[in-house]
Amino acid sequence: SISARCEVIYASRWLNAAYVIASKEVI
């Protein structure tokens, strides 16, 4: 769902989070 809207650089299973590049509007 997230990668359909922005670039996912990395997903961390330990942080349960994704590091992305996105515009403020997308965020």
mmCIF file of all heavy atoms, coordinates in Angstrom:
data_MODEL
# 
_entry.id   MODEL 
# 
loop_
_atom_site.group_PDB 
_atom_site.id 
_atom_site.type_symbol 
_atom_site.label_atom_id 
_atom_site.label_alt_id 
_atom_site.label_comp_id 
_atom_site.label_asym_id 
_atom_site.label_entity_id 
_atom_site.label_seq_id 
_atom_site.pdbx_PDB_ins_code 
_atom_site.Cartn_x 
_atom_site.Cartn_y 
_atom_site.Cartn_z 
_atom_site.occupancy 
_atom_site.B_iso_or_equiv 
_atom_site.pdbx_formal_charge 
_atom_site.auth_seq_id 
_atom_site.auth_comp_id 
_atom_site.auth_asym_id 
_atom_site.auth_atom_id 
_atom_site.pdbx_PDB_model_num 
ATOM 1   N N   . SER A 1 1  ? 0.822  -1.212  0.000  1.00 0.00 ? 1  SER A N   1 
ATOM 2   C CA  . SER A 1 1  ? 0.000  0.000   0.000  1.00 0.00 ? 1  SER A CA  1 
ATOM 3   C C   . SER A 1 1  ? 0.852  1.257   0.000  1.00 0.00 ? 1  SER A C   1 
ATOM 4   O O   . SER A 1 1  ? 0.548  2.227   -0.696 1.00 0.00 ? 1  SER A O   1 
ATOM 5   C CB  . SER A 1 1  ? -0.914 0.014   1.228  1.00 0.00 ? 1  SER A CB  1 
ATOM 6   O OG  . SER A 1 1  ? -1.837 -1.037  1.168  1.00 0.00 ? 1  SER A OG  1 
ATOM 7   N N   . ILE A 1 2  ? 1.927  1.232   0.765  1.00 0.00 ? 2  ILE A N   1 
ATOM 8   C CA  . ILE A 1 2  ? 2.805  2.400   0.845  1.00 0.00 ? 2  ILE A CA  1 
ATOM 9   C C   . ILE A 1 2  ? 3.628  2.554   -0.427 1.00 0.00 ? 2  ILE A C   1 
ATOM 10  O O   . ILE A 1 2  ? 3.773  3.652   -0.961 1.00 0.00 ? 2  ILE A O   1 
ATOM 11  C CB  . ILE A 1 2  ? 3.705  2.304   2.092  1.00 0.00 ? 2  ILE A CB  1 
ATOM 12  C CG1 . ILE A 1 2  ? 2.846  2.551   3.325  1.00 0.00 ? 2  ILE A CG1 1 
ATOM 13  C CG2 . ILE A 1 2  ? 4.848  3.296   2.044  1.00 0.00 ? 2  ILE A CG2 1 
ATOM 14  C CD1 . ILE A 1 2  ? 3.569  2.363   4.615  1.00 0.00 ? 2  ILE A CD1 1 
ATOM 15  N N   . SER A 1 3  ? 4.163  1.441   -0.933 1.00 0.00 ? 3  SER A N   1 
ATOM 16  C CA  . SER A 1 3  ? 5.021  1.536   -2.127 1.00 0.00 ? 3  SER A CA  1 
ATOM 17  C C   . SER A 1 3  ? 4.233  1.939   -3.376 1.00 0.00 ? 3  SER A C   1 
ATOM 18  O O   . SER A 1 3  ? 4.823  2.395   -4.346 1.00 0.00 ? 3  SER A O   1 
ATOM 19  C CB  . SER A 1 3  ? 5.772  0.223   -2.356 1.00 0.00 ? 3  SER A CB  1 
ATOM 20  O OG  . SER A 1 3  ? 4.876  -0.814  -2.647 1.00 0.00 ? 3  SER A OG  1 
ATOM 21  N N   . ALA A 1 4  ? 2.918  1.825   -3.344 1.00 0.00 ? 4  ALA A N   1 
ATOM 22  C CA  . ALA A 1 4  ? 2.105  2.306   -4.460 1.00 0.00 ? 4  ALA A CA  1 
ATOM 23  C C   . ALA A 1 4  ? 2.061  3.831   -4.488 1.00 0.00 ? 4  ALA A C   1 
ATOM 24  O O   . ALA A 1 4  ? 1.702  4.422   -5.504 1.00 0.00 ? 4  ALA A O   1 
ATOM 25  C CB  . ALA A 1 4  ? 0.688  1.744   -4.349 1.00 0.00 ? 4  ALA A CB  1 
ATOM 26  N N   . ARG A 1 5  ? 2.439  4.485   -3.384 1.00 0.00 ? 5  ARG A N   1 
ATOM 27  C CA  . ARG A 1 5  ? 2.363  5.942   -3.274 1.00 0.00 ? 5  ARG A CA  1 
ATOM 28  C C   . ARG A 1 5  ? 3.710  6.635   -3.144 1.00 0.00 ? 5  ARG A C   1 
ATOM 29  O O   . ARG A 1 5  ? 3.809  7.838   -3.345 1.00 0.00 ? 5  ARG A O   1 
ATOM 30  C CB  . ARG A 1 5  ? 1.482  6.316   -2.096 1.00 0.00 ? 5  ARG A CB  1 
ATOM 31  C CG  . ARG A 1 5  ? 0.022  5.977   -2.353 1.00 0.00 ? 5  ARG A CG  1 
ATOM 32  C CD  . ARG A 1 5  ? -0.785 5.960   -1.087 1.00 0.00 ? 5  ARG A CD  1 
ATOM 33  N NE  . ARG A 1 5  ? -2.180 5.679   -1.343 1.00 0.00 ? 5  ARG A NE  1 
ATOM 34  C CZ  . ARG A 1 5  ? -2.674 4.467   -1.603 1.00 0.00 ? 5  ARG A CZ  1 
ATOM 35  N NH1 . ARG A 1 5  ? -1.879 3.432   -1.667 1.00 0.00 ? 5  ARG A NH1 1 
ATOM 36  N NH2 . ARG A 1 5  ? -3.946 4.292   -1.822 1.00 0.00 ? 5  ARG A NH2 1 
ATOM 37  N N   . CYS A 1 6  ? 4.743  5.876   -2.745 1.00 0.00 ? 6  CYS A N   1 
ATOM 38  C CA  . CYS A 1 6  ? 6.064  6.484   -2.589 1.00 0.00 ? 6  CYS A CA  1 
ATOM 39  C C   . CYS A 1 6  ? 7.133  5.398   -2.695 1.00 0.00 ? 6  CYS A C   1 
ATOM 40  O O   . CYS A 1 6  ? 6.820  4.221   -2.799 1.00 0.00 ? 6  CYS A O   1 
ATOM 41  C CB  . CYS A 1 6  ? 6.173  7.223   -1.249 1.00 0.00 ? 6  CYS A CB  1 
ATOM 42  S SG  . CYS A 1 6  ? 6.024  6.170   0.197  1.00 0.00 ? 6  CYS A SG  1 
ATOM 43  N N   . GLU A 1 7  ? 8.382  5.813   -2.633 1.00 0.00 ? 7  GLU A N   1 
ATOM 44  C CA  . GLU A 1 7  ? 9.497  4.873   -2.733 1.00 0.00 ? 7  GLU A CA  1 
ATOM 45  C C   . GLU A 1 7  ? 9.868  4.344   -1.352 1.00 0.00 ? 7  GLU A C   1 
ATOM 46  O O   . GLU A 1 7  ? 10.216 5.112   -0.460 1.00 0.00 ? 7  GLU A O   1 
ATOM 47  C CB  . GLU A 1 7  ? 10.709 5.572   -3.358 1.00 0.00 ? 7  GLU A CB  1 
ATOM 48  C CG  . GLU A 1 7  ? 11.890 4.654   -3.533 1.00 0.00 ? 7  GLU A CG  1 
ATOM 49  C CD  . GLU A 1 7  ? 13.096 5.350   -4.133 1.00 0.00 ? 7  GLU A CD  1 
ATOM 50  O OE1 . GLU A 1 7  ? 13.017 6.548   -4.464 1.00 0.00 ? 7  GLU A OE1 1 
ATOM 51  O OE2 . GLU A 1 7  ? 14.137 4.672   -4.266 1.00 0.00 ? 7  GLU A OE2 1 
ATOM 52  N N   . VAL A 1 8  ? 9.768  3.019   -1.191 1.00 0.00 ? 8  VAL A N   1 
ATOM 53  C CA  . VAL A 1 8  ? 10.171 2.388   0.058  1.00 0.00 ? 8  VAL A CA  1 
ATOM 54  C C   . VAL A 1 8  ? 11.638 2.012   -0.079 1.00 0.00 ? 8  VAL A C   1 
ATOM 55  O O   . VAL A 1 8  ? 12.015 1.230   -0.950 1.00 0.00 ? 8  VAL A O   1 
ATOM 56  C CB  . VAL A 1 8  ? 9.322  1.131   0.363  1.00 0.00 ? 8  VAL A CB  1 
ATOM 57  C CG1 . VAL A 1 8  ? 9.840  0.430   1.615  1.00 0.00 ? 8  VAL A CG1 1 
ATOM 58  C CG2 . VAL A 1 8  ? 7.860  1.507   0.526  1.00 0.00 ? 8  VAL A CG2 1 
ATOM 59  N N   . ILE A 1 9  ? 12.479 2.585   0.784  1.00 0.00 ? 9  ILE A N   1 
ATOM 60  C CA  . ILE A 1 9  ? 13.912 2.334   0.755  1.00 0.00 ? 9  ILE A CA  1 
ATOM 61  C C   . ILE A 1 9  ? 14.251 1.076   1.541  1.00 0.00 ? 9  ILE A C   1 
ATOM 62  O O   . ILE A 1 9  ? 15.053 0.254   1.112  1.00 0.00 ? 9  ILE A O   1 
ATOM 63  C CB  . ILE A 1 9  ? 14.697 3.521   1.368  1.00 0.00 ? 9  ILE A CB  1 
ATOM 64  C CG1 . ILE A 1 9  ? 14.357 4.820   0.648  1.00 0.00 ? 9  ILE A CG1 1 
ATOM 65  C CG2 . ILE A 1 9  ? 16.192 3.265   1.365  1.00 0.00 ? 9  ILE A CG2 1 
ATOM 66  C CD1 . ILE A 1 9  ? 14.717 4.839   -0.818 1.00 0.00 ? 9  ILE A CD1 1 
ATOM 67  N N   . TYR A 1 10 ? 13.607 0.917   2.698  1.00 0.00 ? 10 TYR A N   1 
ATOM 68  C CA  . TYR A 1 10 ? 13.952 -0.176  3.590  1.00 0.00 ? 10 TYR A CA  1 
ATOM 69  C C   . TYR A 1 10 ? 12.783 -0.455  4.530  1.00 0.00 ? 10 TYR A C   1 
ATOM 70  O O   . TYR A 1 10 ? 12.089 0.470   4.936  1.00 0.00 ? 10 TYR A O   1 
ATOM 71  C CB  . TYR A 1 10 ? 15.197 0.213   4.411  1.00 0.00 ? 10 TYR A CB  1 
ATOM 72  C CG  . TYR A 1 10 ? 15.633 -0.816  5.409  1.00 0.00 ? 10 TYR A CG  1 
ATOM 73  C CD1 . TYR A 1 10 ? 16.275 -1.979  5.000  1.00 0.00 ? 10 TYR A CD1 1 
ATOM 74  C CD2 . TYR A 1 10 ? 15.390 -0.644  6.769  1.00 0.00 ? 10 TYR A CD2 1 
ATOM 75  C CE1 . TYR A 1 10 ? 16.670 -2.934  5.916  1.00 0.00 ? 10 TYR A CE1 1 
ATOM 76  C CE2 . TYR A 1 10 ? 15.793 -1.592  7.684  1.00 0.00 ? 10 TYR A CE2 1 
ATOM 77  C CZ  . TYR A 1 10 ? 16.430 -2.738  7.258  1.00 0.00 ? 10 TYR A CZ  1 
ATOM 78  O OH  . TYR A 1 10 ? 16.820 -3.682  8.166  1.00 0.00 ? 10 TYR A OH  1 
ATOM 79  N N   . ALA A 1 11 ? 12.582 -1.725  4.851  1.00 0.00 ? 11 ALA A N   1 
ATOM 80  C CA  . ALA A 1 11 ? 11.590 -2.106  5.858  1.00 0.00 ? 11 ALA A CA  1 
ATOM 81  C C   . ALA A 1 11 ? 12.321 -2.813  6.995  1.00 0.00 ? 11 ALA A C   1 
ATOM 82  O O   . ALA A 1 11 ? 13.124 -3.710  6.750  1.00 0.00 ? 11 ALA A O   1 
ATOM 83  C CB  . ALA A 1 11 ? 10.533 -3.017  5.257  1.00 0.00 ? 11 ALA A CB  1 
ATOM 84  N N   . SER A 1 12 ? 12.051 -2.405  8.223  1.00 0.00 ? 12 SER A N   1 
ATOM 85  C CA  . SER A 1 12 ? 12.699 -2.981  9.397  1.00 0.00 ? 12 SER A CA  1 
ATOM 86  C C   . SER A 1 12 ? 11.700 -3.804  10.186 1.00 0.00 ? 12 SER A C   1 
ATOM 87  O O   . SER A 1 12 ? 10.720 -3.265  10.713 1.00 0.00 ? 12 SER A O   1 
ATOM 88  C CB  . SER A 1 12 ? 13.259 -1.872  10.287 1.00 0.00 ? 12 SER A CB  1 
ATOM 89  O OG  . SER A 1 12 ? 13.660 -2.405  11.533 1.00 0.00 ? 12 SER A OG  1 
ATOM 90  N N   . ARG A 1 13 ? 11.957 -5.105  10.279 1.00 0.00 ? 13 ARG A N   1 
ATOM 91  C CA  . ARG A 1 13 ? 11.044 -5.946  11.054 1.00 0.00 ? 13 ARG A CA  1 
ATOM 92  C C   . ARG A 1 13 ? 11.174 -5.659  12.542 1.00 0.00 ? 13 ARG A C   1 
ATOM 93  O O   . ARG A 1 13 ? 10.217 -5.804  13.285 1.00 0.00 ? 13 ARG A O   1 
ATOM 94  C CB  . ARG A 1 13 ? 11.266 -7.417  10.736 1.00 0.00 ? 13 ARG A CB  1 
ATOM 95  C CG  . ARG A 1 13 ? 12.582 -7.971  11.205 1.00 0.00 ? 13 ARG A CG  1 
ATOM 96  C CD  . ARG A 1 13 ? 12.683 -9.451  10.838 1.00 0.00 ? 13 ARG A CD  1 
ATOM 97  N NE  . ARG A 1 13 ? 13.859 -10.033 11.435 1.00 0.00 ? 13 ARG A NE  1 
ATOM 98  C CZ  . ARG A 1 13 ? 14.687 -10.824 10.806 1.00 0.00 ? 13 ARG A CZ  1 
ATOM 99  N NH1 . ARG A 1 13 ? 14.457 -11.133 9.560  1.00 0.00 ? 13 ARG A NH1 1 
ATOM 100 N NH2 . ARG A 1 13 ? 15.725 -11.311 11.418 1.00 0.00 ? 13 ARG A NH2 1 
ATOM 101 N N   . TRP A 1 14 ? 12.356 -5.255  13.010 1.00 0.00 ? 14 TRP A N   1 
ATOM 102 C CA  . TRP A 1 14 ? 12.545 -4.973  14.433 1.00 0.00 ? 14 TRP A CA  1 
ATOM 103 C C   . TRP A 1 14 ? 11.866 -3.670  14.844 1.00 0.00 ? 14 TRP A C   1 
ATOM 104 O O   . TRP A 1 14 ? 11.358 -3.548  15.939 1.00 0.00 ? 14 TRP A O   1 
ATOM 105 C CB  . TRP A 1 14 ? 14.023 -4.960  14.804 1.00 0.00 ? 14 TRP A CB  1 
ATOM 106 C CG  . TRP A 1 14 ? 14.625 -6.313  14.643 1.00 0.00 ? 14 TRP A CG  1 
ATOM 107 C CD1 . TRP A 1 14 ? 14.408 -7.399  15.446 1.00 0.00 ? 14 TRP A CD1 1 
ATOM 108 C CD2 . TRP A 1 14 ? 15.482 -6.748  13.611 1.00 0.00 ? 14 TRP A CD2 1 
ATOM 109 N NE1 . TRP A 1 14 ? 15.093 -8.488  14.963 1.00 0.00 ? 14 TRP A NE1 1 
ATOM 110 C CE2 . TRP A 1 14 ? 15.784 -8.116  13.827 1.00 0.00 ? 14 TRP A CE2 1 
ATOM 111 C CE3 . TRP A 1 14 ? 16.056 -6.134  12.502 1.00 0.00 ? 14 TRP A CE3 1 
ATOM 112 C CZ2 . TRP A 1 14 ? 16.601 -8.852  13.006 1.00 0.00 ? 14 TRP A CZ2 1 
ATOM 113 C CZ3 . TRP A 1 14 ? 16.878 -6.875  11.683 1.00 0.00 ? 14 TRP A CZ3 1 
ATOM 114 C CH2 . TRP A 1 14 ? 17.141 -8.217  11.945 1.00 0.00 ? 14 TRP A CH2 1 
ATOM 115 N N   . LEU A 1 15 ? 11.870 -2.684  13.970 1.00 0.00 ? 15 LEU A N   1 
ATOM 116 C CA  . LEU A 1 15 ? 11.202 -1.418  14.260 1.00 0.00 ? 15 LEU A CA  1 
ATOM 117 C C   . LEU A 1 15 ? 9.730  -1.442  13.846 1.00 0.00 ? 15 LEU A C   1 
ATOM 118 O O   . LEU A 1 15 ? 8.982  -0.542  14.208 1.00 0.00 ? 15 LEU A O   1 
ATOM 119 C CB  . LEU A 1 15 ? 11.911 -0.261  13.541 1.00 0.00 ? 15 LEU A CB  1 
ATOM 120 C CG  . LEU A 1 15 ? 13.356 0.003   13.928 1.00 0.00 ? 15 LEU A CG  1 
ATOM 121 C CD1 . LEU A 1 15 ? 13.946 1.102   13.047 1.00 0.00 ? 15 LEU A CD1 1 
ATOM 122 C CD2 . LEU A 1 15 ? 13.461 0.360   15.398 1.00 0.00 ? 15 LEU A CD2 1 
ATOM 123 N N   . ASN A 1 16 ? 9.343  -2.446  13.066 1.00 0.00 ? 16 ASN A N   1 
ATOM 124 C CA  . ASN A 1 16 ? 8.006  -2.523  12.472 1.00 0.00 ? 16 ASN A CA  1 
ATOM 125 C C   . ASN A 1 16 ? 7.694  -1.204  11.770 1.00 0.00 ? 16 ASN A C   1 
ATOM 126 O O   . ASN A 1 16 ? 6.706  -0.523  12.048 1.00 0.00 ? 16 ASN A O   1 
ATOM 127 C CB  . ASN A 1 16 ? 6.936  -2.862  13.501 1.00 0.00 ? 16 ASN A CB  1 
ATOM 128 C CG  . ASN A 1 16 ? 5.635  -3.275  12.832 1.00 0.00 ? 16 ASN A CG  1 
ATOM 129 O OD1 . ASN A 1 16 ? 5.641  -3.798  11.727 1.00 0.00 ? 16 ASN A OD1 1 
ATOM 130 N ND2 . ASN A 1 16 ? 4.528  -3.045  13.502 1.00 0.00 ? 16 ASN A ND2 1 
ATOM 131 N N   . ALA A 1 17 ? 8.606  -0.850  10.858 1.00 0.00 ? 17 ALA A N   1 
ATOM 132 C CA  . ALA A 1 17 ? 8.519  0.435   10.176 1.00 0.00 ? 17 ALA A CA  1 
ATOM 133 C C   . ALA A 1 17 ? 9.154  0.336   8.793  1.00 0.00 ? 17 ALA A C   1 
ATOM 134 O O   . ALA A 1 17 ? 9.875  -0.612  8.495  1.00 0.00 ? 17 ALA A O   1 
ATOM 135 C CB  . ALA A 1 17 ? 9.232  1.505   10.996 1.00 0.00 ? 17 ALA A CB  1 
ATOM 136 N N   . ALA A 1 18 ? 8.863  1.345   7.972  1.00 0.00 ? 18 ALA A N   1 
ATOM 137 C CA  . ALA A 1 18 ? 9.462  1.437   6.643  1.00 0.00 ? 18 ALA A CA  1 
ATOM 138 C C   . ALA A 1 18 ? 10.112 2.805   6.494  1.00 0.00 ? 18 ALA A C   1 
ATOM 139 O O   . ALA A 1 18 ? 9.570  3.819   6.966  1.00 0.00 ? 18 ALA A O   1 
ATOM 140 C CB  . ALA A 1 18 ? 8.410  1.235   5.559  1.00 0.00 ? 18 ALA A CB  1 
ATOM 141 N N   . TYR A 1 19 ? 11.275 2.835   5.846  1.00 0.00 ? 19 TYR A N   1 
ATOM 142 C CA  . TYR A 1 19 ? 11.988 4.073   5.561  1.00 0.00 ? 19 TYR A CA  1 
ATOM 143 C C   . TYR A 1 19 ? 11.651 4.436   4.123  1.00 0.00 ? 19 TYR A C   1 
ATOM 144 O O   . TYR A 1 19 ? 11.873 3.635   3.211  1.00 0.00 ? 19 TYR A O   1 
ATOM 145 C CB  . TYR A 1 19 ? 13.485 3.836   5.744  1.00 0.00 ? 19 TYR A CB  1 
ATOM 146 C CG  . TYR A 1 19 ? 14.326 5.086   5.724  1.00 0.00 ? 19 TYR A CG  1 
ATOM 147 C CD1 . TYR A 1 19 ? 14.149 6.079   6.671  1.00 0.00 ? 19 TYR A CD1 1 
ATOM 148 C CD2 . TYR A 1 19 ? 15.317 5.262   4.771  1.00 0.00 ? 19 TYR A CD2 1 
ATOM 149 C CE1 . TYR A 1 19 ? 14.939 7.215   6.676  1.00 0.00 ? 19 TYR A CE1 1 
ATOM 150 C CE2 . TYR A 1 19 ? 16.115 6.392   4.761  1.00 0.00 ? 19 TYR A CE2 1 
ATOM 151 C CZ  . TYR A 1 19 ? 15.920 7.363   5.713  1.00 0.00 ? 19 TYR A CZ  1 
ATOM 152 O OH  . TYR A 1 19 ? 16.699 8.494   5.710  1.00 0.00 ? 19 TYR A OH  1 
ATOM 153 N N   . VAL A 1 20 ? 11.080 5.625   3.914  1.00 0.00 ? 20 VAL A N   1 
ATOM 154 C CA  . VAL A 1 20 ? 10.566 5.985   2.591  1.00 0.00 ? 20 VAL A CA  1 
ATOM 155 C C   . VAL A 1 20 ? 11.034 7.365   2.168  1.00 0.00 ? 20 VAL A C   1 
ATOM 156 O O   . VAL A 1 20 ? 11.461 8.179   2.992  1.00 0.00 ? 20 VAL A O   1 
ATOM 157 C CB  . VAL A 1 20 ? 9.014  5.954   2.573  1.00 0.00 ? 20 VAL A CB  1 
ATOM 158 C CG1 . VAL A 1 20 ? 8.485  4.601   2.995  1.00 0.00 ? 20 VAL A CG1 1 
ATOM 159 C CG2 . VAL A 1 20 ? 8.426  7.051   3.432  1.00 0.00 ? 20 VAL A CG2 1 
ATOM 160 N N   . ILE A 1 21 ? 10.915 7.616   0.866  1.00 0.00 ? 21 ILE A N   1 
ATOM 161 C CA  . ILE A 1 21 ? 11.089 8.953   0.305  1.00 0.00 ? 21 ILE A CA  1 
ATOM 162 C C   . ILE A 1 21 ? 9.728  9.353   -0.233 1.00 0.00 ? 21 ILE A C   1 
ATOM 163 O O   . ILE A 1 21 ? 9.135  8.626   -1.039 1.00 0.00 ? 21 ILE A O   1 
ATOM 164 C CB  . ILE A 1 21 ? 12.134 8.968   -0.830 1.00 0.00 ? 21 ILE A CB  1 
ATOM 165 C CG1 . ILE A 1 21 ? 13.508 8.581   -0.297 1.00 0.00 ? 21 ILE A CG1 1 
ATOM 166 C CG2 . ILE A 1 21 ? 12.180 10.345  -1.482 1.00 0.00 ? 21 ILE A CG2 1 
ATOM 167 C CD1 . ILE A 1 21 ? 14.573 8.474   -1.374 1.00 0.00 ? 21 ILE A CD1 1 
ATOM 168 N N   . ALA A 1 22 ? 9.232  10.501  0.229  1.00 0.00 ? 22 ALA A N   1 
ATOM 169 C CA  . ALA A 1 22 ? 7.891  10.927  -0.187 1.00 0.00 ? 22 ALA A CA  1 
ATOM 170 C C   . ALA A 1 22 ? 7.740  12.434  -0.045 1.00 0.00 ? 22 ALA A C   1 
ATOM 171 O O   . ALA A 1 22 ? 8.477  13.084  0.688  1.00 0.00 ? 22 ALA A O   1 
ATOM 172 C CB  . ALA A 1 22 ? 6.839  10.224  0.668  1.00 0.00 ? 22 ALA A CB  1 
ATOM 173 N N   . SER A 1 23 ? 6.746  12.958  -0.742 1.00 0.00 ? 23 SER A N   1 
ATOM 174 C CA  . SER A 1 23 ? 6.409  14.378  -0.602 1.00 0.00 ? 23 SER A CA  1 
ATOM 175 C C   . SER A 1 23 ? 5.550  14.564  0.647  1.00 0.00 ? 23 SER A C   1 
ATOM 176 O O   . SER A 1 23 ? 4.978  13.602  1.177  1.00 0.00 ? 23 SER A O   1 
ATOM 177 C CB  . SER A 1 23 ? 5.633  14.855  -1.836 1.00 0.00 ? 23 SER A CB  1 
ATOM 178 O OG  . SER A 1 23 ? 4.372  14.205  -1.876 1.00 0.00 ? 23 SER A OG  1 
ATOM 179 N N   . LYS A 1 24 ? 5.435  15.785  1.087  1.00 0.00 ? 24 LYS A N   1 
ATOM 180 C CA  . LYS A 1 24 ? 4.611  16.073  2.269  1.00 0.00 ? 24 LYS A CA  1 
ATOM 181 C C   . LYS A 1 24 ? 3.153  15.698  2.025  1.00 0.00 ? 24 LYS A C   1 
ATOM 182 O O   . LYS A 1 24 ? 2.467  15.218  2.930  1.00 0.00 ? 24 LYS A O   1 
ATOM 183 C CB  . LYS A 1 24 ? 4.720  17.550  2.645  1.00 0.00 ? 24 LYS A CB  1 
ATOM 184 C CG  . LYS A 1 24 ? 6.069  17.925  3.200  1.00 0.00 ? 24 LYS A CG  1 
ATOM 185 C CD  . LYS A 1 24 ? 6.166  19.400  3.517  1.00 0.00 ? 24 LYS A CD  1 
ATOM 186 C CE  . LYS A 1 24 ? 7.569  19.715  3.992  1.00 0.00 ? 24 LYS A CE  1 
ATOM 187 N NZ  . LYS A 1 24 ? 7.781  21.131  4.226  1.00 0.00 ? 24 LYS A NZ  1 
ATOM 188 N N   . GLU A 1 25 ? 2.683  15.901  0.794  1.00 0.00 ? 25 GLU A N   1 
ATOM 189 C CA  . GLU A 1 25 ? 1.295  15.574  0.471  1.00 0.00 ? 25 GLU A CA  1 
ATOM 190 C C   . GLU A 1 25 ? 1.040  14.070  0.600  1.00 0.00 ? 25 GLU A C   1 
ATOM 191 O O   . GLU A 1 25 ? 0.022  13.646  1.149  1.00 0.00 ? 25 GLU A O   1 
ATOM 192 C CB  . GLU A 1 25 ? 0.948  16.038  -0.954 1.00 0.00 ? 25 GLU A CB  1 
ATOM 193 C CG  . GLU A 1 25 ? 0.972  17.537  -1.149 1.00 0.00 ? 25 GLU A CG  1 
ATOM 194 C CD  . GLU A 1 25 ? 2.386  18.109  -1.339 1.00 0.00 ? 25 GLU A CD  1 
ATOM 195 O OE1 . GLU A 1 25 ? 3.338  17.338  -1.622 1.00 0.00 ? 25 GLU A OE1 1 
ATOM 196 O OE2 . GLU A 1 25 ? 2.542  19.326  -1.178 1.00 0.00 ? 25 GLU A OE2 1 
ATOM 197 N N   . VAL A 1 26 ? 1.982  13.273  0.101  1.00 0.00 ? 26 VAL A N   1 
ATOM 198 C CA  . VAL A 1 26 ? 1.850  11.814  0.201  1.00 0.00 ? 26 VAL A CA  1 
ATOM 199 C C   . VAL A 1 26 ? 1.900  11.380  1.657  1.00 0.00 ? 26 VAL A C   1 
ATOM 200 O O   . VAL A 1 26 ? 1.115  10.534  2.093  1.00 0.00 ? 26 VAL A O   1 
ATOM 201 C CB  . VAL A 1 26 ? 2.944  11.101  -0.637 1.00 0.00 ? 26 VAL A CB  1 
ATOM 202 C CG1 . VAL A 1 26 ? 2.987  9.613   -0.334 1.00 0.00 ? 26 VAL A CG1 1 
ATOM 203 C CG2 . VAL A 1 26 ? 2.701  11.338  -2.123 1.00 0.00 ? 26 VAL A CG2 1 
ATOM 204 N N   . ILE A 1 27 ? 2.791  11.972  2.426  1.00 0.00 ? 27 ILE A N   1 
ATOM 205 C CA  . ILE A 1 27 ? 2.903  11.628  3.850  1.00 0.00 ? 27 ILE A CA  1 
ATOM 206 C C   . ILE A 1 27 ? 1.597  11.941  4.572  1.00 0.00 ? 27 ILE A C   1 
ATOM 207 O O   . ILE A 1 27 ? 1.117  11.141  5.389  1.00 0.00 ? 27 ILE A O   1 
ATOM 208 C CB  . ILE A 1 27 ? 4.100  12.356  4.499  1.00 0.00 ? 27 ILE A CB  1 
ATOM 209 C CG1 . ILE A 1 27 ? 5.411  11.756  3.984  1.00 0.00 ? 27 ILE A CG1 1 
ATOM 210 C CG2 . ILE A 1 27 ? 4.027  12.300  6.014  1.00 0.00 ? 27 ILE A CG2 1 
ATOM 211 C CD1 . ILE A 1 27 ? 5.601  10.275  4.286  1.00 0.00 ? 27 ILE A CD1 1 
# 
